[in-house]
Amino acid sequence: MGTILELTGGFSQEWKQRLEEDTNGQLSESVNSIVGNRHKIAHGESVGLTLHTLLQYYGDALKVVDLLRQQCGL
């Protein structure tokens, strides 16, 4: 989530602050888990993901994308 916030801050510090507030908690944790699990899988490590958890992460990631779209006026 840190990279997304950093990139957003390059456009507007207000956007970054609002996104950080809006994603605090579950949404941020889901995005960070997606990235962490991706790194583990890429390096051949096993991960203990269930379909339910994966769908939760996906839904939360879509919410973050929607928040970004709203901030950009799309």
Protein backbone atom coordinates (compact mmCIF):
# COMPACT_ATOMS: atom_id res chain seq x y z
CA MET A 1 0.00 0.00 0.00
CA GLY A 2 2.97 2.23 0.64
CA THR A 3 3.92 2.38 -3.05
CA ILE A 4 0.35 3.23 -4.05
CA LEU A 5 0.23 6.02 -1.46
CA GLU A 6 3.62 7.34 -2.58
CA LEU A 7 2.50 7.43 -6.20
CA THR A 8 -0.79 9.09 -5.27
CA GLY A 9 1.13 11.70 -3.26
CA GLY A 10 3.07 12.58 -6.40
CA PHE A 11 -0.18 13.90 -7.83
CA SER A 12 -1.64 15.44 -4.71
CA GLN A 13 -0.81 15.29 -1.01
CA GLU A 14 -4.52 15.74 -0.30
CA TRP A 15 -5.31 12.65 -2.41
CA LYS A 16 -2.65 10.69 -0.58
CA GLN A 17 -3.95 11.70 2.82
CA ARG A 18 -7.56 10.93 1.90
CA LEU A 19 -6.61 7.55 0.39
CA GLU A 20 -4.57 6.68 3.45
CA GLU A 21 -7.53 7.49 5.70
CA ASP A 22 -10.02 5.63 3.48
CA THR A 23 -7.90 2.49 3.24
CA ASN A 24 -6.74 2.35 6.85
CA GLY A 25 -7.31 -1.12 8.27
CA GLN A 26 -8.75 -3.99 6.24
CA LEU A 27 -8.26 -2.49 2.76
CA SER A 28 -4.62 -1.65 3.39
CA GLU A 29 -3.96 -5.04 4.96
CA SER A 30 -5.50 -6.84 1.99
CA VAL A 31 -3.37 -4.96 -0.54
CA ASN A 32 -0.24 -5.61 1.51
CA SER A 33 -1.16 -9.31 1.78
CA ILE A 34 -1.59 -9.57 -1.99
CA VAL A 35 1.89 -8.16 -2.51
CA GLY A 36 3.43 -10.28 0.24
CA ASN A 37 1.89 -13.49 -1.06
CA ARG A 38 2.91 -12.63 -4.61
CA HIS A 39 6.53 -12.31 -3.48
CA LYS A 40 6.39 -15.60 -1.60
CA ILE A 41 4.90 -17.42 -4.60
CA ALA A 42 7.46 -15.85 -6.97
CA HIS A 43 10.26 -17.17 -4.76
CA GLY A 44 8.83 -20.66 -4.57
CA GLU A 45 7.49 -20.46 -1.04
CA SER A 46 4.15 -21.96 -0.17
CA VAL A 47 1.30 -19.79 1.03
CA GLY A 48 -1.78 -20.81 2.95
CA LEU A 49 -4.50 -19.04 1.04
CA THR A 50 -8.08 -20.18 0.97
CA LEU A 51 -10.49 -19.25 -1.80
CA HIS A 52 -12.49 -17.24 0.72
CA THR A 53 -9.44 -15.20 1.75
CA LEU A 54 -8.37 -14.71 -1.86
CA LEU A 55 -11.83 -13.42 -2.80
CA GLN A 56 -11.75 -11.03 0.18
CA TYR A 57 -8.37 -9.65 -0.91
CA TYR A 58 -9.62 -9.25 -4.48
CA GLY A 59 -12.77 -7.43 -3.39
CA ASP A 60 -10.76 -5.11 -1.15
CA ALA A 61 -8.28 -4.38 -3.95
CA LEU A 62 -11.19 -3.43 -6.22
CA LYS A 63 -12.43 -1.03 -3.53
CA VAL A 64 -8.99 0.63 -3.47
CA VAL A 65 -9.06 0.97 -7.27
CA ASP A 66 -12.53 2.52 -7.05
CA LEU A 67 -11.31 5.01 -4.44
CA LEU A 68 -8.45 6.00 -6.75
CA ARG A 69 -10.82 6.36 -9.70
CA GLN A 70 -13.12 8.61 -7.66
CA GLN A 71 -10.22 10.83 -6.64
CA CYS A 72 -9.22 11.21 -10.28
CA GLY A 73 -12.79 12.08 -11.24
CA LEU A 74 -13.27 8.95 -13.36
